[in-house]
Amino acid sequence: MKAKKLLDSFNYAFDGIIYTLKTQRNMKIHFVIAIFVLFFSIFLNLSKVEILVLFITISLVIVTEMINTSIEATIDLITDKYHELAKIAKNVAAGAVLVSAINSIIIAYIIFFDKLSKVSVIFIHKVKSMPIHITFISLIIVIFIVIGIKAQFNEGTALKGGMPSGHAAISFSIFIAVVFLSQDILIITLTFILAVLVVQSRIEAEIHSIKQVLAGALLGGLITLLIFQFIYL
């Protein structure tokens, strides 16, 4: 029962993310920019501290946008009439989003500007030494895209049901990463079996249809494959 309540809590939280993504134009923009920034950060030889700052900055923008949406929904629930205090509350919340967005631009400038002129050299000599960063960022990109697609289809929840299967996407994203990172065929085979078992369990539990898990598996696998293939060209 406690496990179910915990899962429900996660589902409610993801529902909030999906609602904001589906209804707020700015949230869609934030998500798209976050995906592009995370993808291109792979090629810029960022330090662990820079990657940490990057994730904190992205999270801050998304969190403030969600808080802004929450405040607007609360005010609209209380009253549909104009009130000066309601205006102030909404403007202050929007101002918080603006501050976080400006902060993200400044952080991006500080982190990326000096590195952009050296992209080709970094791409050839440095990226291949960062498999952990590449794998982690690939998973985050897959998760972001899955949430975005779920928001458009509006089926199921973030952790249960809907198109595509997030579990299938993540499991096959990990499988493809292992294919590139491991030279051991046994490890690759075992990882593939685990990915298939994840997919099978979602179908067996009637959480997803075959179409949904196939879509998730292809999505996660192809995104990770493209990222790694692009790097190891």
Protein backbone atom coordinates (compact mmCIF):
# COMPACT_ATOMS: atom_id res chain seq x y z
CA MET A 1 0.00 0.00 0.00
CA LYS A 2 2.82 2.41 0.89
CA ALA A 3 4.56 1.56 -2.38
CA LYS A 4 1.37 2.28 -4.30
CA LYS A 5 0.92 5.61 -2.53
CA LEU A 6 4.54 6.48 -3.33
CA LEU A 7 3.98 5.61 -6.99
CA ASP A 8 0.80 7.71 -6.99
CA SER A 9 2.79 10.64 -5.60
CA PHE A 10 5.27 10.36 -8.45
CA ASN A 11 2.42 10.11 -10.95
CA TYR A 12 0.78 13.25 -9.55
CA ALA A 13 4.11 15.09 -9.78
CA PHE A 14 4.65 14.02 -13.39
CA ASP A 15 1.05 14.95 -14.18
CA GLY A 16 1.90 18.46 -13.03
CA ILE A 17 4.91 18.58 -15.35
CA ILE A 18 2.88 17.25 -18.28
CA TYR A 19 0.01 19.68 -17.63
CA THR A 20 2.40 22.63 -17.59
CA LEU A 21 4.15 21.38 -20.71
CA LYS A 22 0.86 20.86 -22.53
CA THR A 23 -0.81 24.16 -21.60
CA GLN A 24 2.05 26.65 -21.30
CA ARG A 25 3.82 27.83 -24.45
CA ASN A 26 6.85 29.04 -22.47
CA MET A 27 7.26 25.61 -20.89
CA LYS A 28 7.43 24.03 -24.35
CA ILE A 29 10.11 26.54 -25.30
CA HIS A 30 12.06 25.76 -22.11
CA PHE A 31 11.91 22.02 -22.84
CA VAL A 32 13.10 22.40 -26.44
CA ILE A 33 15.96 24.68 -25.42
CA ALA A 34 16.92 22.33 -22.58
CA ILE A 35 17.10 19.37 -24.97
CA PHE A 36 19.30 21.29 -27.44
CA VAL A 37 21.58 22.61 -24.70
CA LEU A 38 22.00 19.17 -23.16
CA PHE A 39 22.71 17.63 -26.56
CA PHE A 40 25.34 20.17 -27.59
CA SER A 41 26.92 20.18 -24.12
CA ILE A 42 28.12 16.65 -24.91
CA PHE A 43 30.59 18.06 -27.43
CA LEU A 44 32.00 20.89 -25.31
CA ASN A 45 34.08 18.96 -22.78
CA LEU A 46 32.32 20.46 -19.79
CA SER A 47 33.67 19.81 -16.32
CA LYS A 48 31.54 18.12 -13.67
CA VAL A 49 30.98 21.48 -11.99
CA GLU A 50 29.83 23.06 -15.28
CA ILE A 51 27.44 20.17 -15.94
CA LEU A 52 26.09 20.49 -12.39
CA VAL A 53 25.53 24.23 -12.87
CA LEU A 54 23.84 23.50 -16.21
CA PHE A 55 21.38 21.02 -14.66
CA ILE A 56 20.62 23.35 -11.75
CA THR A 57 20.00 26.23 -14.17
CA ILE A 58 17.66 24.16 -16.37
CA SER A 59 15.81 22.88 -13.30
CA LEU A 60 15.43 26.40 -11.93
CA VAL A 61 13.79 27.67 -15.13
CA ILE A 62 11.40 24.71 -15.29
CA VAL A 63 10.54 24.91 -11.58
CA THR A 64 9.80 28.63 -11.69
CA GLU A 65 7.58 28.15 -14.76
CA MET A 66 5.65 25.43 -12.92
CA ILE A 67 5.27 27.62 -9.82
CA ASN A 68 4.06 30.45 -12.04
CA THR A 69 1.47 28.12 -13.62
CA SER A 70 0.39 26.91 -10.18
CA ILE A 71 -0.10 30.47 -8.90
CA GLU A 72 -2.10 31.44 -11.98
CA ALA A 73 -4.35 28.38 -11.64
CA THR A 74 -4.92 29.08 -7.94
CA ILE A 75 -5.87 32.69 -8.57
CA ASP A 76 -8.19 31.71 -11.42
CA LEU A 77 -9.84 29.19 -9.09
CA ILE A 78 -10.44 31.83 -6.42
CA THR A 79 -11.78 34.56 -8.68
CA ASP A 80 -12.48 35.31 -12.32
CA LYS A 81 -12.72 39.05 -11.67
CA TYR A 82 -9.96 41.63 -11.93
CA HIS A 83 -8.25 42.41 -8.65
CA GLU A 84 -5.10 44.42 -8.12
CA LEU A 85 -3.64 41.83 -5.72
CA ALA A 86 -4.31 39.03 -8.20
CA LYS A 87 -2.50 41.05 -10.85
CA ILE A 88 0.45 41.59 -8.51
CA ALA A 89 0.65 37.88 -7.66
CA LYS A 90 0.65 36.86 -11.32
CA ASN A 91 3.14 39.56 -12.31
CA VAL A 92 5.53 38.64 -9.49
CA ALA A 93 5.36 34.96 -10.45
CA ALA A 94 6.01 35.85 -14.10
CA GLY A 95 8.88 38.05 -12.96
CA ALA A 96 10.42 35.07 -11.16
CA VAL A 97 10.35 33.11 -14.44
CA LEU A 98 11.97 36.04 -16.24
CA VAL A 99 14.74 36.29 -13.63
CA SER A 100 15.46 32.56 -13.91
CA ALA A 101 15.47 32.79 -17.72
CA ILE A 102 17.90 35.74 -17.69
CA ASN A 103 20.05 33.83 -15.22
CA SER A 104 20.10 30.83 -17.59
CA ILE A 105 21.24 33.06 -20.48
CA ILE A 106 24.06 34.47 -18.38
CA ILE A 107 25.12 30.99 -17.23
CA ALA A 108 25.01 29.71 -20.82
CA TYR A 109 27.16 32.62 -21.97
CA ILE A 110 29.74 32.03 -19.25
CA ILE A 111 29.92 28.27 -19.85
CA PHE A 112 29.65 28.07 -23.64
CA PHE A 113 31.05 31.25 -25.19
CA ASP A 114 34.76 30.46 -24.87
CA LYS A 115 34.20 26.85 -25.86
CA LEU A 116 32.20 27.40 -29.04
CA SER A 117 35.23 28.49 -31.08
CA LYS A 118 36.98 25.24 -30.16
CA VAL A 119 34.10 22.88 -30.91
CA SER A 120 35.84 21.01 -33.72
CA VAL A 121 38.99 20.34 -31.68
CA ILE A 122 37.02 19.32 -28.61
CA PHE A 123 34.76 17.14 -30.72
CA ILE A 124 37.69 15.15 -32.14
CA HIS A 125 39.93 14.87 -29.11
CA LYS A 126 37.84 15.13 -25.97
CA VAL A 127 34.30 13.81 -26.31
CA LYS A 128 35.28 10.17 -26.53
CA SER A 129 36.75 10.40 -23.04
CA MET A 130 33.35 11.34 -21.55
CA PRO A 131 31.17 8.19 -21.81
CA ILE A 132 29.58 8.72 -18.40
CA HIS A 133 28.50 12.27 -19.24
CA ILE A 134 27.26 11.22 -22.67
CA THR A 135 25.20 8.35 -21.26
CA PHE A 136 23.65 10.45 -18.50
CA ILE A 137 22.78 13.32 -20.82
CA SER A 138 21.34 10.87 -23.39
CA LEU A 139 19.01 9.47 -20.73
CA ILE A 140 17.89 12.95 -19.68
CA ILE A 141 17.17 13.87 -23.32
CA VAL A 142 15.15 10.66 -23.77
CA ILE A 143 13.14 11.40 -20.60
CA PHE A 144 12.45 14.99 -21.72
CA ILE A 145 11.26 13.85 -25.15
CA VAL A 146 9.07 11.07 -23.67
CA ILE A 147 7.40 13.55 -21.30
CA GLY A 148 6.87 15.96 -24.20
CA ILE A 149 5.23 13.28 -26.36
CA LYS A 150 3.06 12.08 -23.46
CA ALA A 151 1.88 15.64 -22.96
CA GLN A 152 0.74 15.77 -26.59
CA PHE A 153 -1.02 12.38 -26.58
CA ASN A 154 -2.59 13.04 -23.16
CA GLU A 155 -2.92 9.34 -22.35
CA GLY A 156 -2.14 7.59 -19.07
CA THR A 157 0.34 9.16 -16.67
CA ALA A 158 4.06 9.84 -16.80
CA LEU A 159 4.85 6.56 -15.03
CA LYS A 160 1.90 4.43 -16.10
CA GLY A 161 0.37 3.93 -19.51
CA GLY A 162 0.21 6.26 -22.45
CA MET A 163 2.17 6.71 -25.66
CA PRO A 164 5.08 6.04 -25.68
CA SER A 165 6.24 3.75 -22.86
CA GLY A 166 8.80 5.67 -20.82
CA HIS A 167 10.13 2.47 -19.22
CA ALA A 168 10.74 0.93 -22.65
CA ALA A 169 12.42 4.12 -23.90
CA ILE A 170 14.80 4.33 -20.94
CA SER A 171 15.61 0.60 -20.89
CA PHE A 172 16.52 0.54 -24.59
CA SER A 173 18.39 3.82 -24.28
CA ILE A 174 20.55 2.15 -21.62
CA PHE A 175 20.94 -0.93 -23.82
CA ILE A 176 22.23 1.11 -26.78
CA ALA A 177 24.62 3.00 -24.47
CA VAL A 178 26.00 -0.31 -23.20
CA VAL A 179 26.47 -1.50 -26.80
CA PHE A 180 28.75 1.47 -27.46
CA LEU A 181 30.54 1.48 -24.12
CA SER A 182 31.12 -2.23 -23.57
CA GLN A 183 33.27 -4.63 -25.56
CA ASP A 184 31.88 -7.62 -23.69
CA ILE A 185 29.21 -9.45 -25.69
CA LEU A 186 27.92 -11.14 -22.52
CA ILE A 187 27.24 -7.79 -20.84
CA ILE A 188 25.56 -6.50 -24.00
CA THR A 189 23.39 -9.63 -24.23
CA LEU A 190 22.38 -9.49 -20.56
CA THR A 191 21.49 -5.81 -20.88
CA PHE A 192 19.35 -6.58 -23.92
CA ILE A 193 17.55 -9.34 -22.02
CA LEU A 194 16.86 -6.94 -19.13
CA ALA A 195 15.50 -4.33 -21.57
CA VAL A 196 13.21 -6.94 -23.16
CA LEU A 197 12.03 -8.06 -19.71
CA VAL A 198 11.14 -4.46 -18.84
CA VAL A 199 9.09 -4.20 -22.03
CA GLN A 200 7.47 -7.60 -21.45
CA SER A 201 6.53 -6.68 -17.88
CA ARG A 202 4.74 -3.51 -19.04
CA ILE A 203 2.70 -5.53 -21.53
CA GLU A 204 2.06 -8.39 -19.09
CA ALA A 205 0.76 -5.98 -16.45
CA GLU A 206 -1.50 -4.41 -19.10
CA ILE A 207 0.01 -1.01 -18.43
CA HIS A 208 1.03 -0.54 -22.05
CA SER A 209 0.02 -1.96 -25.41
CA ILE A 210 2.51 -3.61 -27.73
CA LYS A 211 2.39 -0.51 -29.91
CA GLN A 212 3.25 1.77 -26.99
CA VAL A 213 6.24 -0.27 -25.80
CA LEU A 214 7.57 -0.65 -29.35
CA ALA A 215 7.29 3.10 -29.84
CA GLY A 216 9.11 3.69 -26.56
CA ALA A 217 11.84 1.16 -27.33
CA LEU A 218 12.43 2.61 -30.80
CA LEU A 219 12.38 6.18 -29.49
CA GLY A 220 14.87 5.57 -26.66
CA GLY A 221 17.09 3.33 -28.75
CA LEU A 222 17.22 5.58 -31.81
CA ILE A 223 17.85 8.80 -29.87
CA THR A 224 20.75 7.22 -27.97
CA LEU A 225 22.04 5.56 -31.15
CA LEU A 226 22.05 8.88 -33.02
CA ILE A 227 23.86 10.64 -30.18
CA PHE A 228 26.57 7.99 -29.85
CA GLN A 229 26.86 7.45 -33.63
CA PHE A 230 27.29 11.18 -34.13
CA ILE A 231 30.02 11.27 -31.52
CA TYR A 232 31.94 8.24 -32.77
CA LEU A 233 31.85 9.13 -36.46
